[in-house]
Amino acid sequence: MKRSVAVWDLPTRIFHWSLVLLVVGSFTSGKIGGSAMLWHGTFGVGIMGLLSFRLVWGLIGSTYARFFTFVRGPSAIITYLRGDWRGLGHNPLGGLAVLAILGLLLFQASSGLIANDDIAFNGPLFPLVDKDYSDWMTAVHRRSQLVVLVLVTLHVSAILYYLRVKKQNLVRPMITGLARTTDGDARSASGGGPLAFAIAVAVALAVVWATSGGVLPPTPMPAGW
């Protein structure tokens, strides 16, 4: 008999859907270009904040949000591929996909901080690097978009595969926080809590402040002031 078990805590769910919105907004504004690039930069800073929160939450958050819960070795991946793995949260292969997506988005957002479009837009941390390095990172930033699209497409395809073939809805638990299971030993998520959440939010806010230009030296006042 199936029963509901709390898997995804509220901070993890808010992070997930916020990241989806910001990535879509960033991709769309980047393709529009022009004045929309200001939004593109804002979305990038927001993504940096979200990713910083998730990295901290992956260490001190609740059970299934923690990296050590779903980042497993080769033996666990082989067990999963054989169809013998049982558990809640990210499966061993899905855990690797999560790391890949987080890592790539972290690179994409951080490289955008020093990018430029040779017209009117400079990333918020552009003054920290020389123009040649910024141009090189801009080119890499643009080419990496394809890799992001590939990973996102694979992620969505995996969700559809589970829904159609395995008859398992992976989206609903990320909305409600609850997963259905027949495992009598499965336990609801624990840990995290207000203090851990406050620490993760504080780190995220600090990263947003820094990446939006807070670490830049103050602009010198014009002569005569």
Protein backbone atom coordinates (compact mmCIF):
# COMPACT_ATOMS: atom_id res chain seq x y z
CA MET A 1 0.00 0.00 0.00
CA LYS A 2 1.38 3.39 -0.95
CA ARG A 3 1.76 6.21 1.52
CA SER A 4 2.92 9.81 1.28
CA VAL A 5 6.35 10.79 2.57
CA ALA A 6 7.68 14.34 2.85
CA VAL A 7 10.69 14.54 0.52
CA TRP A 8 11.24 18.04 -0.84
CA ASP A 9 11.23 20.83 1.73
CA LEU A 10 9.75 24.24 0.93
CA PRO A 11 13.11 26.03 0.39
CA THR A 12 14.18 23.38 -2.14
CA ARG A 13 10.90 23.68 -4.02
CA ILE A 14 11.04 27.49 -4.08
CA PHE A 15 14.64 27.29 -5.30
CA HIS A 16 13.76 24.85 -8.06
CA TRP A 17 10.89 26.82 -9.57
CA SER A 18 12.62 30.17 -9.09
CA LEU A 19 15.63 28.81 -10.96
CA VAL A 20 13.39 27.64 -13.79
CA LEU A 21 11.85 31.12 -14.12
CA LEU A 22 15.20 32.92 -13.98
CA VAL A 23 16.86 30.60 -16.50
CA VAL A 24 13.95 31.06 -18.93
CA GLY A 25 14.05 34.82 -18.36
CA SER A 26 17.81 34.94 -18.84
CA PHE A 27 17.73 32.91 -22.05
CA THR A 28 14.83 34.94 -23.49
CA SER A 29 16.29 38.35 -22.64
CA GLY A 30 19.67 37.30 -24.02
CA LYS A 31 18.09 36.34 -27.35
CA ILE A 32 16.12 39.61 -27.52
CA GLY A 33 19.24 41.68 -26.85
CA GLY A 34 19.23 45.48 -26.85
CA SER A 35 17.74 47.03 -23.72
CA ALA A 36 16.65 43.54 -22.60
CA MET A 37 20.31 42.85 -21.80
CA LEU A 38 19.85 44.85 -18.60
CA TRP A 39 17.30 42.23 -17.54
CA HIS A 40 19.66 39.51 -18.75
CA GLY A 41 22.30 40.77 -16.32
CA THR A 42 19.78 41.03 -13.49
CA PHE A 43 18.59 37.47 -14.10
CA GLY A 44 22.22 36.31 -14.05
CA VAL A 45 22.85 37.91 -10.66
CA GLY A 46 19.65 36.32 -9.36
CA ILE A 47 20.79 32.92 -10.62
CA MET A 48 24.09 33.36 -8.78
CA GLY A 49 22.16 34.06 -5.58
CA LEU A 50 19.93 31.02 -6.04
CA LEU A 51 22.85 28.72 -6.79
CA SER A 52 24.72 29.98 -3.74
CA PHE A 53 21.69 29.24 -1.61
CA ARG A 54 21.41 25.73 -3.07
CA LEU A 55 25.08 24.95 -2.48
CA VAL A 56 24.76 25.88 1.18
CA TRP A 57 21.40 24.16 1.52
CA GLY A 58 22.95 21.06 -0.01
CA LEU A 59 25.25 20.89 3.01
CA ILE A 60 22.98 21.93 5.90
CA GLY A 61 19.47 21.56 4.51
CA SER A 62 16.97 18.76 5.03
CA THR A 63 17.65 15.09 4.29
CA TYR A 64 16.89 14.71 0.59
CA ALA A 65 18.25 18.16 -0.32
CA ARG A 66 21.72 17.30 0.97
CA PHE A 67 24.32 16.29 -1.57
CA PHE A 68 25.56 13.29 0.38
CA THR A 69 22.04 11.83 0.14
CA PHE A 70 21.94 11.68 -3.65
CA VAL A 71 25.56 11.93 -4.82
CA ARG A 72 26.65 8.30 -4.84
CA GLY A 73 29.45 6.19 -6.28
CA PRO A 74 29.62 3.94 -9.37
CA SER A 75 28.18 0.91 -7.57
CA ALA A 76 24.96 2.77 -6.75
CA ILE A 77 24.67 3.96 -10.35
CA ILE A 78 25.13 0.39 -11.64
CA THR A 79 22.51 -0.84 -9.19
CA TYR A 80 20.11 1.82 -10.44
CA LEU A 81 20.74 0.93 -14.10
CA ARG A 82 20.01 -2.71 -13.29
CA GLY A 83 16.66 -1.65 -11.86
CA ASP A 84 17.49 -2.73 -8.32
CA TRP A 85 17.78 0.72 -6.70
CA ARG A 86 15.13 1.77 -4.21
CA GLY A 87 14.92 5.11 -2.53
CA LEU A 88 13.41 8.59 -2.39
CA GLY A 89 14.65 11.87 -3.78
CA HIS A 90 17.12 11.94 -6.66
CA ASN A 91 18.23 8.55 -7.93
CA PRO A 92 22.00 7.99 -8.35
CA LEU A 93 21.97 8.93 -12.05
CA GLY A 94 19.66 11.88 -11.46
CA GLY A 95 22.00 13.08 -8.73
CA LEU A 96 24.83 13.36 -11.25
CA ALA A 97 22.53 15.26 -13.59
CA VAL A 98 21.70 17.71 -10.81
CA LEU A 99 25.40 18.35 -10.18
CA ALA A 100 26.02 18.84 -13.90
CA ILE A 101 23.17 21.34 -14.25
CA LEU A 102 24.14 23.28 -11.13
CA GLY A 103 27.80 23.36 -12.16
CA LEU A 104 27.09 24.49 -15.70
CA LEU A 105 24.64 27.18 -14.59
CA LEU A 106 27.19 28.40 -12.06
CA PHE A 107 29.79 28.73 -14.81
CA GLN A 108 27.31 30.32 -17.19
CA ALA A 109 26.17 32.92 -14.66
CA SER A 110 29.67 33.71 -13.35
CA SER A 111 31.10 34.10 -16.86
CA GLY A 112 28.26 36.47 -17.70
CA LEU A 113 29.30 38.74 -14.84
CA ILE A 114 32.38 39.83 -16.79
CA ALA A 115 30.94 39.56 -20.32
CA ASN A 116 30.17 42.39 -22.74
CA ASP A 117 28.28 42.82 -26.00
CA ASP A 118 30.58 45.45 -27.57
CA ILE A 119 27.61 47.84 -27.74
CA ALA A 120 26.02 49.03 -24.53
CA PHE A 121 26.09 46.14 -22.06
CA ASN A 122 28.86 45.15 -19.69
CA GLY A 123 28.50 42.56 -16.96
CA PRO A 124 28.40 44.00 -13.43
CA LEU A 125 31.96 42.81 -12.72
CA PHE A 126 33.36 43.76 -16.13
CA PRO A 127 35.67 46.43 -14.60
CA LEU A 128 37.59 43.70 -12.75
CA VAL A 129 39.05 42.20 -15.95
CA ASP A 130 40.67 43.48 -19.12
CA LYS A 131 38.74 43.70 -22.38
CA ASP A 132 40.51 40.79 -24.10
CA TYR A 133 39.69 38.39 -21.27
CA SER A 134 36.11 39.66 -21.20
CA ASP A 135 35.79 39.07 -24.95
CA TRP A 136 37.10 35.52 -24.57
CA MET A 137 34.72 34.74 -21.70
CA THR A 138 31.85 36.30 -23.65
CA ALA A 139 32.50 33.90 -26.53
CA VAL A 140 32.62 30.92 -24.17
CA HIS A 141 29.48 32.15 -22.41
CA ARG A 142 27.59 32.24 -25.71
CA ARG A 143 28.78 28.82 -26.86
CA SER A 144 27.90 27.24 -23.51
CA GLN A 145 24.24 28.10 -24.04
CA LEU A 146 23.95 25.05 -26.29
CA VAL A 147 25.26 22.78 -23.52
CA VAL A 148 22.71 24.27 -21.12
CA LEU A 149 19.93 23.59 -23.62
CA VAL A 150 21.09 20.00 -24.08
CA LEU A 151 21.14 19.32 -20.33
CA VAL A 152 17.75 20.95 -19.81
CA THR A 153 16.31 18.93 -22.70
CA LEU A 154 17.69 15.70 -21.20
CA HIS A 155 16.27 16.68 -17.81
CA VAL A 156 12.79 17.28 -19.24
CA SER A 157 13.04 14.09 -21.33
CA ALA A 158 13.85 12.07 -18.21
CA ILE A 159 10.81 13.53 -16.45
CA LEU A 160 8.59 12.59 -19.41
CA TYR A 161 10.11 9.10 -19.52
CA TYR A 162 9.29 8.52 -15.87
CA LEU A 163 5.77 9.83 -16.42
CA ARG A 164 4.99 7.84 -19.57
CA VAL A 165 6.96 4.62 -19.07
CA LYS A 166 7.35 4.21 -15.33
CA LYS A 167 4.07 5.94 -14.48
CA GLN A 168 5.85 8.04 -11.90
CA ASN A 169 5.15 11.77 -11.67
CA LEU A 170 8.32 13.58 -10.66
CA VAL A 171 6.83 17.05 -10.99
CA ARG A 172 4.07 16.71 -8.40
CA PRO A 173 6.47 16.02 -5.47
CA MET A 174 8.43 19.16 -6.42
CA ILE A 175 5.17 21.09 -6.05
CA THR A 176 3.63 19.43 -3.00
CA GLY A 177 6.82 18.17 -1.34
CA LEU A 178 5.24 14.71 -0.96
CA ALA A 179 6.18 11.48 -2.73
CA ARG A 180 4.20 8.27 -2.84
CA THR A 181 6.07 5.10 -1.88
CA THR A 182 5.44 1.49 -0.89
CA ASP A 183 8.70 1.33 1.06
CA GLY A 184 7.73 0.81 4.68
CA ASP A 185 11.16 1.92 5.85
CA ALA A 186 11.06 5.26 4.00
CA ARG A 187 11.32 8.24 6.29
CA SER A 188 10.22 11.83 5.81
CA ALA A 189 12.88 14.49 5.38
CA SER A 190 14.32 15.99 8.53
CA GLY A 191 16.95 18.61 9.33
CA GLY A 192 17.36 22.03 7.85
CA GLY A 193 15.31 24.33 10.01
CA PRO A 194 15.23 28.11 10.56
CA LEU A 195 18.91 28.53 11.45
CA ALA A 196 20.14 26.59 8.44
CA PHE A 197 17.72 28.50 6.22
CA ALA A 198 18.90 31.86 7.64
CA ILE A 199 22.54 30.94 6.97
CA ALA A 200 21.79 29.89 3.38
CA VAL A 201 19.80 33.07 2.72
CA ALA A 202 22.56 35.24 4.24
CA VAL A 203 25.14 33.65 1.94
CA ALA A 204 22.85 34.11 -1.07
CA LEU A 205 22.28 37.78 -0.26
CA ALA A 206 26.02 38.34 0.17
CA VAL A 207 26.66 36.76 -3.23
CA VAL A 208 23.96 38.91 -4.87
CA TRP A 209 25.51 42.03 -3.33
CA ALA A 210 29.01 41.06 -4.49
CA THR A 211 28.07 39.97 -8.00
CA SER A 212 25.88 43.02 -8.64
CA GLY A 213 28.95 45.23 -8.21
CA GLY A 214 29.31 45.50 -4.47
CA VAL A 215 32.93 44.37 -4.58
CA LEU A 216 33.91 47.08 -7.06
CA PRO A 217 35.98 49.99 -5.74
CA PRO A 218 33.98 53.24 -5.44
CA THR A 219 33.94 55.46 -8.50
CA PRO A 220 36.27 58.43 -8.06
CA MET A 221 34.55 61.78 -7.74
CA PRO A 222 35.10 64.18 -10.68
CA ALA A 223 37.71 66.86 -10.13
CA GLY A 224 36.35 69.99 -8.54
CA TRP A 225 33.78 68.27 -6.37
